């Protein structure tokens, strides 16, 4: 009788153990995006790599939508990496850089492992203790980050999969004068004020008075 009771308990225990092991294995093998270095102090223009880690999956393309706060940094350059055959970038949306990597159609076997999608050149503008480089990624997103397998499966399709991405966290420490110059320029061009100073009534009165004085002196010399 005791053996009959112990058997269901043993089977239930094995089932739970198998389920937990499967969950841990699935989490450990989730494809992801990350930054290298993921944490560093920025004291000037710095290169940060966007990494694709397939965790053993064979993939044919990836899109990384990089997000950042434009108050603290500018991304001045996006250099293609060597993990995919073709890499393009789009910077038309403020605070975002969309990086797309694809393979040639003939490379049906895909690529596996970990490699550089692109290298960002980050220019710090203002000091902060918590600058975050993130990835736009969610189960509801249509145009956000994704990693496509050779079987046309999006490996970043769920919120749980998106949580496997590793964002970057940085400290900015630049000289106060440099920070002021960086914050008031865009690239090599100064940022002009929204409105130029307007000449007031006092300025016009001053010019009119000076003009009348010159006319009076001219009349006296005639």
N, C-alpha and C. Protein backbone atom coordinates (compact mmCIF):
# COMPACT_ATOMS: atom_id res chain seq x y z
N UNK A 1 0.83 -1.21 0.00
CA UNK A 1 0.00 0.00 0.00
C UNK A 1 0.86 1.25 0.00
N UNK A 2 1.95 1.20 0.79
CA UNK A 2 2.84 2.33 0.86
C UNK A 2 3.52 2.59 -0.47
N UNK A 3 3.86 1.51 -1.21
CA UNK A 3 4.51 1.67 -2.50
C UNK A 3 3.58 2.34 -3.50
N UNK A 4 2.27 1.98 -3.44
CA UNK A 4 1.28 2.55 -4.35
C UNK A 4 1.15 4.06 -4.09
N UNK A 5 1.20 4.47 -2.83
CA UNK A 5 1.08 5.89 -2.47
C UNK A 5 2.34 6.65 -2.89
N UNK A 6 3.50 6.01 -2.72
CA UNK A 6 4.77 6.68 -3.03
C UNK A 6 4.94 6.89 -4.54
N UNK A 7 4.42 6.03 -5.38
CA UNK A 7 4.61 6.13 -6.82
C UNK A 7 4.05 7.43 -7.39
N UNK A 8 2.77 7.80 -7.11
CA UNK A 8 2.27 9.08 -7.62
C UNK A 8 3.08 10.28 -7.12
N UNK A 9 3.51 10.22 -5.86
CA UNK A 9 4.32 11.31 -5.31
C UNK A 9 5.64 11.43 -6.07
N UNK A 10 6.27 10.30 -6.35
CA UNK A 10 7.53 10.28 -7.08
C UNK A 10 7.35 10.83 -8.50
N UNK A 11 6.26 10.42 -9.17
CA UNK A 11 6.00 10.89 -10.52
C UNK A 11 5.75 12.40 -10.54
N UNK A 12 4.99 12.89 -9.54
CA UNK A 12 4.72 14.33 -9.44
C UNK A 12 6.01 15.11 -9.22
N UNK A 13 6.88 14.56 -8.36
CA UNK A 13 8.16 15.21 -8.09
C UNK A 13 9.02 15.29 -9.35
N UNK A 14 9.08 14.20 -10.12
CA UNK A 14 9.86 14.18 -11.36
C UNK A 14 9.31 15.16 -12.38
N UNK A 15 7.97 15.26 -12.44
CA UNK A 15 7.34 16.20 -13.38
C UNK A 15 7.71 17.64 -13.04
N UNK A 16 7.62 17.99 -11.76
CA UNK A 16 7.96 19.35 -11.33
C UNK A 16 9.43 19.63 -11.59
N UNK A 17 10.30 18.69 -11.30
CA UNK A 17 11.73 18.86 -11.52
C UNK A 17 12.03 19.07 -13.00
N UNK A 18 11.38 18.28 -13.87
CA UNK A 18 11.57 18.43 -15.31
C UNK A 18 11.10 19.79 -15.80
N UNK A 19 9.94 20.23 -15.29
CA UNK A 19 9.38 21.53 -15.69
C UNK A 19 10.31 22.68 -15.30
N UNK A 20 10.81 22.63 -14.05
CA UNK A 20 11.72 23.69 -13.59
C UNK A 20 13.00 23.70 -14.40
N UNK A 21 13.54 22.52 -14.68
CA UNK A 21 14.78 22.44 -15.47
C UNK A 21 14.57 23.00 -16.86
N UNK A 22 13.40 22.73 -17.44
CA UNK A 22 13.10 23.24 -18.78
C UNK A 22 13.01 24.76 -18.77
N UNK A 23 12.40 25.32 -17.71
CA UNK A 23 12.27 26.77 -17.62
C UNK A 23 13.63 27.43 -17.51
N UNK A 24 14.51 26.87 -16.68
CA UNK A 24 15.84 27.43 -16.55
C UNK A 24 16.63 27.30 -17.84
N UNK A 25 16.49 26.18 -18.52
CA UNK A 25 17.21 25.98 -19.77
C UNK A 25 16.74 26.94 -20.83
N UNK A 26 15.40 27.18 -20.88
CA UNK A 26 14.86 28.10 -21.87
C UNK A 26 15.35 29.52 -21.63
N UNK A 27 15.36 29.93 -20.34
CA UNK A 27 15.83 31.27 -20.01
C UNK A 27 17.30 31.44 -20.34
N UNK A 28 18.10 30.40 -20.10
CA UNK A 28 19.54 30.50 -20.33
C UNK A 28 19.87 30.57 -21.81
N UNK A 29 19.00 30.03 -22.66
CA UNK A 29 19.30 29.97 -24.08
C UNK A 29 18.55 31.03 -24.90
N UNK A 30 18.01 32.03 -24.22
CA UNK A 30 17.25 33.05 -24.93
C UNK A 30 18.19 33.99 -25.69
N UNK A 31 17.94 34.16 -26.99
CA UNK A 31 18.73 35.10 -27.78
C UNK A 31 18.51 36.50 -27.23
N UNK A 32 19.51 37.37 -27.36
CA UNK A 32 19.41 38.68 -26.73
C UNK A 32 20.31 39.70 -27.41
N UNK A 33 20.06 40.96 -27.08
CA UNK A 33 20.89 42.09 -27.49
C UNK A 33 21.54 42.67 -26.24
N UNK A 34 22.74 43.18 -26.39
CA UNK A 34 23.43 43.79 -25.26
C UNK A 34 24.45 44.80 -25.74
N UNK A 35 25.01 45.55 -24.79
CA UNK A 35 26.04 46.55 -25.09
C UNK A 35 27.37 46.12 -24.49
N UNK A 36 28.46 46.42 -25.19
CA UNK A 36 29.81 46.21 -24.67
C UNK A 36 30.64 47.45 -24.95
N UNK A 37 31.17 48.08 -23.89
CA UNK A 37 30.96 47.74 -22.48
C UNK A 37 29.55 48.13 -22.05
N UNK A 38 29.05 47.42 -21.05
CA UNK A 38 27.70 47.70 -20.56
C UNK A 38 27.70 48.71 -19.43
N UNK A 39 28.90 49.02 -18.91
CA UNK A 39 29.02 50.00 -17.84
C UNK A 39 30.42 50.60 -17.88
N UNK A 40 30.48 51.93 -18.02
CA UNK A 40 31.76 52.61 -18.08
C UNK A 40 31.52 54.10 -17.82
N UNK A 41 32.55 54.81 -17.42
CA UNK A 41 32.45 56.26 -17.23
C UNK A 41 32.83 56.96 -18.53
N UNK A 42 31.95 57.81 -19.04
CA UNK A 42 32.19 58.53 -20.28
C UNK A 42 32.80 59.89 -19.96
N UNK A 43 34.02 60.11 -20.45
CA UNK A 43 34.70 61.39 -20.24
C UNK A 43 34.91 62.13 -21.55
N UNK A 44 34.51 61.53 -22.65
CA UNK A 44 34.63 62.10 -23.98
C UNK A 44 34.02 61.12 -24.97
N UNK A 45 34.19 61.38 -26.28
CA UNK A 45 33.63 60.46 -27.27
C UNK A 45 34.08 59.02 -27.01
N UNK A 46 33.12 58.11 -26.96
CA UNK A 46 33.38 56.72 -26.58
C UNK A 46 32.68 55.77 -27.54
N UNK A 47 33.34 54.68 -27.89
CA UNK A 47 32.74 53.67 -28.76
C UNK A 47 32.11 52.56 -27.92
N UNK A 48 30.85 52.28 -28.22
CA UNK A 48 30.10 51.23 -27.53
C UNK A 48 29.52 50.29 -28.58
N UNK A 49 29.76 49.01 -28.43
CA UNK A 49 29.30 48.03 -29.42
C UNK A 49 27.92 47.49 -29.07
N UNK A 50 27.10 47.32 -30.10
CA UNK A 50 25.80 46.66 -29.95
C UNK A 50 26.02 45.20 -30.36
N UNK A 51 25.76 44.29 -29.43
CA UNK A 51 26.07 42.87 -29.62
C UNK A 51 24.80 42.05 -29.81
N UNK A 52 24.85 41.11 -30.75
CA UNK A 52 23.80 40.10 -30.90
C UNK A 52 24.35 38.79 -30.37
N UNK A 53 23.65 38.21 -29.41
CA UNK A 53 24.04 36.91 -28.84
C UNK A 53 22.90 35.93 -29.12
N UNK A 54 23.12 34.99 -30.03
CA UNK A 54 22.05 34.08 -30.45
C UNK A 54 21.84 32.93 -29.48
N UNK A 55 22.75 32.74 -28.54
CA UNK A 55 22.65 31.66 -27.55
C UNK A 55 22.40 30.30 -28.22
N UNK A 56 23.13 30.06 -29.30
CA UNK A 56 23.05 28.76 -29.97
C UNK A 56 22.02 28.68 -31.08
N UNK A 57 21.14 29.66 -31.19
CA UNK A 57 20.15 29.67 -32.26
C UNK A 57 20.80 30.11 -33.57
N UNK A 58 20.28 29.60 -34.68
CA UNK A 58 20.74 30.02 -36.00
C UNK A 58 19.82 31.13 -36.47
N UNK A 59 20.38 32.32 -36.73
CA UNK A 59 19.57 33.48 -37.07
C UNK A 59 19.97 34.04 -38.43
N UNK A 60 19.04 34.76 -39.06
CA UNK A 60 19.29 35.34 -40.38
C UNK A 60 19.25 36.87 -40.39
N UNK A 61 18.71 37.49 -39.34
CA UNK A 61 18.66 38.95 -39.29
C UNK A 61 18.41 39.41 -37.86
N UNK A 62 18.66 40.70 -37.64
CA UNK A 62 18.39 41.29 -36.33
C UNK A 62 18.16 42.78 -36.50
N UNK A 63 17.28 43.31 -35.66
CA UNK A 63 17.04 44.75 -35.60
C UNK A 63 17.19 45.18 -34.15
N UNK A 64 18.05 46.16 -33.91
CA UNK A 64 18.22 46.72 -32.58
C UNK A 64 17.77 48.18 -32.62
N UNK A 65 16.71 48.48 -31.85
CA UNK A 65 16.26 49.86 -31.74
C UNK A 65 16.86 50.43 -30.45
N UNK A 66 17.93 51.18 -30.61
CA UNK A 66 18.66 51.75 -29.48
C UNK A 66 17.93 53.00 -28.98
N UNK A 67 17.72 53.09 -27.67
CA UNK A 67 17.06 54.26 -27.09
C UNK A 67 18.00 54.96 -26.12
N UNK A 68 17.92 56.31 -26.09
CA UNK A 68 18.80 57.09 -25.22
C UNK A 68 18.20 58.47 -24.98
N UNK A 69 18.72 59.18 -23.99
CA UNK A 69 18.26 60.51 -23.62
C UNK A 69 19.14 61.54 -24.34
N UNK A 70 18.55 62.31 -25.24
CA UNK A 70 19.31 63.28 -26.03
C UNK A 70 19.79 64.46 -25.20
N UNK A 71 19.32 64.58 -23.97
CA UNK A 71 19.81 65.66 -23.10
C UNK A 71 21.24 65.40 -22.66
N UNK A 72 21.65 64.13 -22.64
CA UNK A 72 22.94 63.77 -22.09
C UNK A 72 23.97 63.30 -23.12
N UNK A 73 23.52 62.74 -24.22
CA UNK A 73 24.48 62.25 -25.22
C UNK A 73 23.99 62.51 -26.64
N UNK A 74 24.94 62.51 -27.56
CA UNK A 74 24.67 62.43 -28.99
C UNK A 74 25.34 61.16 -29.51
N UNK A 75 24.68 60.47 -30.43
CA UNK A 75 25.32 59.36 -31.14
C UNK A 75 25.74 59.91 -32.49
N UNK A 76 27.04 60.13 -32.64
CA UNK A 76 27.56 60.83 -33.80
C UNK A 76 27.93 59.91 -34.95
N UNK A 77 28.03 58.60 -34.69
CA UNK A 77 28.41 57.68 -35.77
C UNK A 77 27.91 56.28 -35.43
N UNK A 78 27.50 55.56 -36.48
CA UNK A 78 27.09 54.16 -36.34
C UNK A 78 27.88 53.36 -37.39
N UNK A 79 28.88 52.62 -36.94
CA UNK A 79 29.74 51.86 -37.84
C UNK A 79 29.24 50.42 -37.92
N UNK A 80 29.07 49.86 -39.12
CA UNK A 80 28.57 48.49 -39.27
C UNK A 80 29.51 47.48 -38.61
N UNK A 81 28.93 46.47 -37.98
CA UNK A 81 29.72 45.37 -37.43
C UNK A 81 29.92 44.29 -38.47
N UNK A 82 30.51 43.16 -38.04
CA UNK A 82 30.85 42.09 -38.98
C UNK A 82 30.04 40.82 -38.75
N UNK A 83 29.00 40.90 -37.89
CA UNK A 83 28.23 39.69 -37.62
C UNK A 83 27.28 39.36 -38.77
N UNK A 84 26.76 40.40 -39.43
CA UNK A 84 25.88 40.22 -40.58
C UNK A 84 26.54 40.79 -41.83
N UNK A 85 26.09 40.32 -42.99
CA UNK A 85 26.66 40.77 -44.26
C UNK A 85 26.37 42.24 -44.52
N UNK A 86 25.13 42.65 -44.29
CA UNK A 86 24.71 44.03 -44.55
C UNK A 86 24.16 44.64 -43.27
N UNK A 87 24.63 45.85 -42.94
CA UNK A 87 24.15 46.56 -41.75
C UNK A 87 23.80 47.99 -42.14
N UNK A 88 22.58 48.40 -41.82
CA UNK A 88 22.14 49.77 -42.09
C UNK A 88 21.66 50.39 -40.79
N UNK A 89 21.60 51.73 -40.78
CA UNK A 89 21.13 52.43 -39.58
C UNK A 89 20.25 53.60 -39.98
N UNK A 90 19.32 53.93 -39.09
CA UNK A 90 18.37 55.03 -39.31
C UNK A 90 18.33 55.87 -38.04
N UNK A 91 18.52 57.20 -38.21
CA UNK A 91 18.59 58.09 -37.04
C UNK A 91 17.59 59.24 -37.14
N UNK A 92 16.52 59.06 -37.89
CA UNK A 92 15.58 60.16 -38.11
C UNK A 92 14.72 60.47 -36.89
N UNK A 93 14.55 59.53 -35.98
CA UNK A 93 13.75 59.74 -34.78
C UNK A 93 14.64 60.12 -33.62
N UNK A 94 14.34 61.24 -32.97
CA UNK A 94 15.14 61.70 -31.85
C UNK A 94 15.15 60.70 -30.71
N UNK A 95 16.33 60.44 -30.16
CA UNK A 95 16.43 59.51 -29.05
C UNK A 95 16.41 58.05 -29.43
N UNK A 96 16.47 57.77 -30.74
CA UNK A 96 16.48 56.38 -31.22
C UNK A 96 17.45 56.22 -32.38
N UNK A 97 18.07 55.06 -32.42
CA UNK A 97 18.85 54.64 -33.58
C UNK A 97 18.40 53.22 -33.93
N UNK A 98 17.92 53.04 -35.15
CA UNK A 98 17.45 51.73 -35.61
C UNK A 98 18.55 51.09 -36.44
N UNK A 99 19.07 49.96 -35.98
CA UNK A 99 20.17 49.27 -36.66
C UNK A 99 19.65 47.92 -37.15
N UNK A 100 19.82 47.66 -38.44
CA UNK A 100 19.32 46.43 -39.05
C UNK A 100 20.47 45.64 -39.67
N UNK A 101 20.56 44.38 -39.32
CA UNK A 101 21.57 43.51 -39.89
C UNK A 101 20.92 42.34 -40.60
N UNK A 102 21.38 42.06 -41.82
CA UNK A 102 20.82 40.95 -42.61
C UNK A 102 21.95 40.16 -43.26
N UNK A 103 21.60 38.94 -43.71
CA UNK A 103 22.52 38.08 -44.44
C UNK A 103 22.15 38.02 -45.91
N UNK A 104 23.08 37.55 -46.72
CA UNK A 104 22.77 37.30 -48.12
C UNK A 104 21.74 36.17 -48.22
N UNK A 105 20.91 36.22 -49.25
CA UNK A 105 19.88 35.20 -49.41
C UNK A 105 20.47 33.79 -49.54
N UNK A 106 21.69 33.71 -50.03
CA UNK A 106 22.33 32.41 -50.20
C UNK A 106 22.82 31.80 -48.88
N UNK A 107 22.88 32.62 -47.82
CA UNK A 107 23.36 32.13 -46.53
C UNK A 107 22.19 31.55 -45.73
N UNK A 108 21.63 30.49 -46.25
CA UNK A 108 20.43 29.90 -45.64
C UNK A 108 20.71 29.23 -44.30
N UNK A 109 21.97 28.93 -44.03
CA UNK A 109 22.28 28.26 -42.76
C UNK A 109 22.28 29.25 -41.59
N UNK A 110 22.31 30.55 -41.88
CA UNK A 110 22.29 31.56 -40.84
C UNK A 110 23.62 31.68 -40.10
N UNK A 111 23.61 32.43 -39.03
CA UNK A 111 24.80 32.60 -38.20
C UNK A 111 24.44 32.29 -36.75
N UNK A 112 25.42 31.83 -36.00
CA UNK A 112 25.21 31.52 -34.58
C UNK A 112 26.32 32.15 -33.76
N UNK A 113 26.09 32.25 -32.46
CA UNK A 113 27.10 32.78 -31.57
C UNK A 113 26.85 34.22 -31.20
N UNK A 114 27.93 34.91 -30.90
CA UNK A 114 27.85 36.30 -30.45
C UNK A 114 28.75 37.16 -31.33
N UNK A 115 28.23 38.32 -31.77
CA UNK A 115 29.03 39.19 -32.63
C UNK A 115 28.51 40.61 -32.63
N UNK A 116 29.29 41.50 -33.25
CA UNK A 116 28.97 42.93 -33.25
C UNK A 116 28.01 43.27 -34.38
N UNK A 117 26.85 43.82 -34.00
CA UNK A 117 25.90 44.33 -34.99
C UNK A 117 26.37 45.68 -35.51
N UNK A 118 26.80 46.56 -34.61
CA UNK A 118 27.29 47.89 -34.98
C UNK A 118 28.05 48.48 -33.80
N UNK A 119 28.86 49.50 -34.11
CA UNK A 119 29.59 50.22 -33.07
C UNK A 119 29.12 51.66 -33.05
N UNK A 120 28.66 52.11 -31.89
CA UNK A 120 28.17 53.48 -31.72
C UNK A 120 29.30 54.38 -31.21
N UNK A 121 29.40 55.58 -31.76
CA UNK A 121 30.27 56.60 -31.19
C UNK A 121 29.38 57.54 -30.38
N UNK A 122 29.58 57.53 -29.08
CA UNK A 122 28.73 58.28 -28.16
C UNK A 122 29.48 59.52 -27.68
N UNK A 123 28.87 60.68 -27.86
CA UNK A 123 29.46 61.94 -27.43
C UNK A 123 28.69 62.47 -26.22
N UNK A 124 29.32 62.51 -25.03
CA UNK A 124 28.61 62.98 -23.84
C UNK A 124 28.41 64.50 -23.85
N UNK A 125 27.27 64.94 -23.35
CA UNK A 125 26.93 66.36 -23.34
C UNK A 125 26.87 66.94 -21.93
N UNK A 126 26.21 66.25 -21.03
CA UNK A 126 26.02 66.74 -19.66
C UNK A 126 26.33 65.63 -18.67
N UNK A 127 26.86 66.04 -17.52
CA UNK A 127 27.20 65.07 -16.48
C UNK A 127 25.96 64.43 -15.87
N UNK A 128 26.05 63.14 -15.61
CA UNK A 128 24.98 62.40 -14.95
C UNK A 128 25.56 61.13 -14.36
N UNK A 129 24.90 60.61 -13.34
CA UNK A 129 25.32 59.37 -12.71
C UNK A 129 24.55 58.16 -13.25
N UNK A 130 23.58 58.40 -14.14
CA UNK A 130 22.74 57.29 -14.59
C UNK A 130 22.24 57.51 -16.02
N UNK A 131 23.13 57.35 -16.98
CA UNK A 131 22.72 57.36 -18.38
C UNK A 131 22.43 55.93 -18.81
N UNK A 132 21.27 55.72 -19.41
CA UNK A 132 20.86 54.38 -19.82
C UNK A 132 20.76 54.29 -21.33
N UNK A 133 21.42 53.29 -21.90
CA UNK A 133 21.20 52.90 -23.29
C UNK A 133 20.30 51.67 -23.25
N UNK A 134 19.12 51.79 -23.84
CA UNK A 134 18.18 50.69 -23.78
C UNK A 134 17.89 50.12 -25.16
N UNK A 135 16.98 49.15 -25.19
CA UNK A 135 16.49 48.57 -26.44
C UNK A 135 14.97 48.65 -26.43
N UNK A 136 14.38 49.24 -27.46
CA UNK A 136 12.93 49.26 -27.58
C UNK A 136 12.48 47.85 -27.96
N UNK A 137 11.73 47.20 -27.06
CA UNK A 137 11.36 45.81 -27.29
C UNK A 137 10.17 45.44 -26.42
N UNK A 138 9.11 44.92 -27.02
CA UNK A 138 7.94 44.46 -26.27
C UNK A 138 7.12 43.52 -27.15
N UNK A 139 6.22 42.81 -26.51
CA UNK A 139 5.37 41.87 -27.26
C UNK A 139 4.38 42.60 -28.16
N UNK A 140 4.09 43.86 -27.84
CA UNK A 140 3.11 44.62 -28.62
C UNK A 140 3.76 45.45 -29.73
N UNK A 141 5.08 45.55 -29.73
CA UNK A 141 5.77 46.38 -30.71
C UNK A 141 5.79 45.75 -32.09
N UNK A 142 5.52 46.58 -33.10
CA UNK A 142 5.56 46.11 -34.48
C UNK A 142 6.88 46.47 -35.17
N UNK A 143 7.47 47.59 -34.74
CA UNK A 143 8.70 48.08 -35.38
C UNK A 143 9.82 48.23 -34.36
N UNK A 144 9.87 47.33 -33.40
CA UNK A 144 10.91 47.42 -32.39
C UNK A 144 11.98 46.36 -32.62
N UNK A 145 12.78 46.10 -31.62
CA UNK A 145 13.90 45.17 -31.76
C UNK A 145 13.41 43.74 -32.01
N UNK A 146 14.17 43.01 -32.82
CA UNK A 146 13.86 41.60 -33.06
C UNK A 146 15.10 40.85 -33.51
N UNK A 147 15.06 39.56 -33.31
CA UNK A 147 16.09 38.64 -33.82
C UNK A 147 15.35 37.51 -34.52
N UNK A 148 15.55 37.39 -35.82
CA UNK A 148 14.81 36.40 -36.61
C UNK A 148 15.65 35.16 -36.85
N UNK A 149 15.09 34.00 -36.52
CA UNK A 149 15.78 32.74 -36.75
C UNK A 149 15.66 32.34 -38.22
N UNK A 150 16.42 31.32 -38.60
CA UNK A 150 16.34 30.84 -39.99
C UNK A 150 15.01 30.14 -40.25
N UNK A 151 14.24 29.90 -39.20
CA UNK A 151 12.91 29.30 -39.34
C UNK A 151 11.82 30.36 -39.28
N UNK A 152 12.22 31.64 -39.47
CA UNK A 152 11.29 32.78 -39.46
C UNK A 152 10.57 32.95 -38.13
N UNK A 153 11.24 32.64 -37.05
CA UNK A 153 10.68 32.85 -35.71
C UNK A 153 11.37 34.04 -35.06
N UNK A 154 10.57 34.99 -34.56
CA UNK A 154 11.13 36.13 -33.84
C UNK A 154 11.51 35.68 -32.43
N UNK A 155 12.79 35.73 -32.13
CA UNK A 155 13.27 35.28 -30.83
C UNK A 155 13.12 36.34 -29.75
N UNK A 156 12.58 37.51 -30.12
CA UNK A 156 12.27 38.56 -29.14
C UNK A 156 10.79 38.94 -29.26
N UNK A 157 9.94 37.93 -29.34
CA UNK A 157 8.51 38.18 -29.60
C UNK A 157 7.70 38.41 -28.33
N UNK A 158 8.19 37.97 -27.19
CA UNK A 158 7.44 38.10 -25.94
C UNK A 158 8.15 39.06 -24.99
N UNK A 159 7.41 39.53 -24.00
CA UNK A 159 8.01 40.41 -23.00
C UNK A 159 9.10 39.68 -22.22
N UNK A 160 8.88 38.40 -21.97
CA UNK A 160 9.89 37.61 -21.25
C UNK A 160 11.18 37.51 -22.05
N UNK A 161 11.06 37.34 -23.37
CA UNK A 161 12.25 37.28 -24.22
C UNK A 161 12.93 38.65 -24.28
N UNK A 162 12.14 39.72 -24.35
CA UNK A 162 12.70 41.07 -24.39
C UNK A 162 13.47 41.39 -23.12
N UNK A 163 13.03 40.83 -21.99
CA UNK A 163 13.70 41.08 -20.72
C UNK A 163 15.10 40.48 -20.67
N UNK A 164 15.41 39.58 -21.60
CA UNK A 164 16.75 38.99 -21.66
C UNK A 164 17.78 39.97 -22.23
N UNK A 165 17.31 41.01 -22.93
CA UNK A 165 18.23 42.03 -23.44
C UNK A 165 18.90 42.73 -22.27
N UNK A 166 20.15 43.12 -22.45
CA UNK A 166 20.91 43.76 -21.37
C UNK A 166 21.20 45.20 -21.77
N UNK A 167 20.60 46.15 -21.04
CA UNK A 167 20.82 47.56 -21.34
C UNK A 167 22.15 48.02 -20.76
N UNK A 168 22.61 49.18 -21.21
CA UNK A 168 23.85 49.74 -20.71
C UNK A 168 23.57 50.85 -19.71
N UNK A 169 24.39 50.92 -18.67
CA UNK A 169 24.25 51.96 -17.64
C UNK A 169 25.59 52.66 -17.48
N UNK A 170 25.60 53.99 -17.64
CA UNK A 170 26.86 54.72 -17.73
C UNK A 170 26.84 55.98 -16.84
N UNK A 171 28.04 56.40 -16.48
CA UNK A 171 28.25 57.65 -15.76
C UNK A 171 28.95 58.62 -16.71
N UNK A 172 28.52 59.87 -16.73
CA UNK A 172 29.18 60.89 -17.56
C UNK A 172 29.91 61.86 -16.64
N UNK A 173 31.20 62.01 -16.87
CA UNK A 173 32.01 62.96 -16.12
C UNK A 173 32.90 63.72 -17.09
N UNK A 174 32.45 64.91 -17.49
CA UNK A 174 33.24 65.76 -18.37
C UNK A 174 33.43 67.11 -17.72
N UNK A 175 34.45 67.86 -18.18
CA UNK A 175 34.72 69.17 -17.60
C UNK A 175 33.52 70.09 -17.81
N UNK A 176 33.29 70.99 -16.86
CA UNK A 176 32.12 71.88 -16.91
C UNK A 176 32.12 72.72 -18.18
N UNK A 177 33.29 73.27 -18.56
CA UNK A 177 33.38 74.09 -19.77
C UNK A 177 33.07 73.27 -21.01
N UNK A 178 33.60 72.03 -21.06
CA UNK A 178 33.35 71.15 -22.19
C UNK A 178 31.88 70.78 -22.28
N UNK A 179 31.25 70.55 -21.12
CA UNK A 179 29.84 70.20 -21.09
C UNK A 179 28.99 71.34 -21.62
N UNK A 180 29.37 72.60 -21.26
CA UNK A 180 28.61 73.77 -21.73
C UNK A 180 28.73 73.91 -23.23
N UNK A 181 29.96 73.75 -23.77
CA UNK A 181 30.17 73.86 -25.21
C UNK A 181 29.41 72.78 -25.95
N UNK A 182 29.46 71.53 -25.44
CA UNK A 182 28.78 70.42 -26.09
C UNK A 182 27.28 70.62 -26.10
N UNK A 183 26.74 71.13 -25.00
CA UNK A 183 25.30 71.29 -24.88
C UNK A 183 24.77 72.40 -25.76
N UNK A 184 25.64 73.35 -26.15
CA UNK A 184 25.18 74.48 -26.96
C UNK A 184 25.58 74.34 -28.42
N UNK A 185 26.08 73.17 -28.81
CA UNK A 185 26.41 72.92 -30.21
C UNK A 185 25.78 71.63 -30.65
N UNK A 186 25.57 71.51 -31.93
CA UNK A 186 25.06 70.28 -32.52
C UNK A 186 26.02 69.91 -33.64
N UNK A 187 26.81 68.87 -33.38
CA UNK A 187 27.86 68.55 -34.32
C UNK A 187 28.90 69.65 -34.24
N UNK A 188 29.24 70.28 -35.38
CA UNK A 188 30.20 71.37 -35.41
C UNK A 188 29.50 72.72 -35.52
N UNK A 189 28.17 72.74 -35.49
CA UNK A 189 27.43 73.97 -35.68
C UNK A 189 26.86 74.47 -34.36
N UNK A 190 26.96 75.80 -34.09
CA UNK A 190 26.36 76.33 -32.86
C UNK A 190 24.85 76.29 -32.95
N UNK A 191 24.23 76.09 -31.79
CA UNK A 191 22.78 76.12 -31.72
C UNK A 191 22.34 77.56 -31.55
N UNK A 192 21.63 78.12 -32.54
CA UNK A 192 21.20 79.50 -32.52
C UNK A 192 20.02 79.66 -31.58
N UNK A 193 19.90 80.83 -30.93
CA UNK A 193 18.72 81.06 -30.08
C UNK A 193 17.46 81.09 -30.92
N UNK A 194 16.33 80.75 -30.28
CA UNK A 194 15.07 80.70 -31.01
C UNK A 194 14.69 82.07 -31.56
N UNK A 195 15.01 83.16 -30.82
CA UNK A 195 14.70 84.50 -31.28
C UNK A 195 15.94 85.37 -31.14
N UNK A 196 16.22 86.16 -32.17
CA UNK A 196 17.32 87.09 -32.11
C UNK A 196 16.91 88.30 -31.27
N UNK A 197 17.87 88.99 -30.61
CA UNK A 197 17.52 90.17 -29.82
C UNK A 197 16.88 91.23 -30.70
N UNK A 198 15.84 91.85 -30.20
CA UNK A 198 15.14 92.89 -30.93
C UNK A 198 15.60 94.27 -30.46
N UNK A 199 15.83 95.19 -31.42
CA UNK A 199 16.20 96.55 -31.08
C UNK A 199 14.98 97.27 -30.52
N UNK A 200 15.10 97.87 -29.35
CA UNK A 200 13.97 98.53 -28.72
C UNK A 200 13.91 100.01 -29.08
N UNK A 201 12.94 100.69 -28.49
CA UNK A 201 12.72 102.12 -28.77
C UNK A 201 13.93 102.95 -28.39
N UNK A 202 14.59 102.59 -27.27
CA UNK A 202 15.76 103.35 -26.84
C UNK A 202 16.88 103.30 -27.87
N UNK A 203 17.06 102.14 -28.51
CA UNK A 203 18.11 102.01 -29.53
C UNK A 203 17.82 102.89 -30.72
N UNK A 204 16.56 102.88 -31.19
CA UNK A 204 16.19 103.74 -32.33
C UNK A 204 16.37 105.22 -31.97
N UNK A 205 15.96 105.61 -30.77
CA UNK A 205 16.10 107.00 -30.34
C UNK A 205 17.55 107.45 -30.33
N UNK A 206 18.42 106.53 -29.93
CA UNK A 206 19.85 106.85 -29.90
C UNK A 206 20.38 107.12 -31.28
N UNK A 207 19.99 106.25 -32.27
CA UNK A 207 20.46 106.45 -33.64
C UNK A 207 19.89 107.74 -34.25
N UNK A 208 18.63 108.03 -33.98
CA UNK A 208 18.02 109.26 -34.52
C UNK A 208 18.72 110.50 -33.96
N UNK A 209 19.01 110.50 -32.65
CA UNK A 209 19.69 111.63 -32.01
C UNK A 209 21.07 111.86 -32.61
N UNK A 210 21.79 110.74 -32.82
CA UNK A 210 23.13 110.85 -33.41
C UNK A 210 23.06 111.41 -34.82
N UNK A 211 22.03 110.96 -35.60
CA UNK A 211 21.88 111.45 -36.97
C UNK A 211 21.57 112.92 -37.00
N UNK A 212 20.69 113.42 -36.15
CA UNK A 212 20.34 114.85 -36.11
C UNK A 212 21.54 115.69 -35.71
N UNK A 213 22.35 115.15 -34.79
CA UNK A 213 23.55 115.89 -34.36
C UNK A 213 24.51 116.06 -35.52
N UNK A 214 24.69 115.00 -36.34
CA UNK A 214 25.60 115.11 -37.49
C UNK A 214 25.06 116.10 -38.51
N UNK A 215 23.72 116.10 -38.73
CA UNK A 215 23.11 117.06 -39.67
C UNK A 215 23.35 118.48 -39.18
N UNK A 216 23.20 118.73 -37.86
CA UNK A 216 23.38 120.07 -37.29
C UNK A 216 24.80 120.54 -37.49
N UNK A 217 25.78 119.64 -37.26
CA UNK A 217 27.18 120.02 -37.45
C UNK A 217 27.45 120.37 -38.91
N UNK A 218 26.82 119.60 -39.81
CA UNK A 218 27.00 119.87 -41.24
C UNK A 218 26.44 121.22 -41.62
N UNK A 219 25.32 121.62 -41.07
CA UNK A 219 24.71 122.93 -41.39
C UNK A 219 25.58 124.07 -40.88
N UNK A 220 26.19 123.87 -39.72
CA UNK A 220 27.05 124.92 -39.18
C UNK A 220 28.31 125.14 -40.04
N UNK A 221 28.75 124.10 -40.68
CA UNK A 221 29.96 124.21 -41.51
C UNK A 221 29.70 124.80 -42.86
N UNK A 222 28.44 124.91 -43.28
CA UNK A 222 28.11 125.48 -44.61
C UNK A 222 28.40 127.00 -44.63
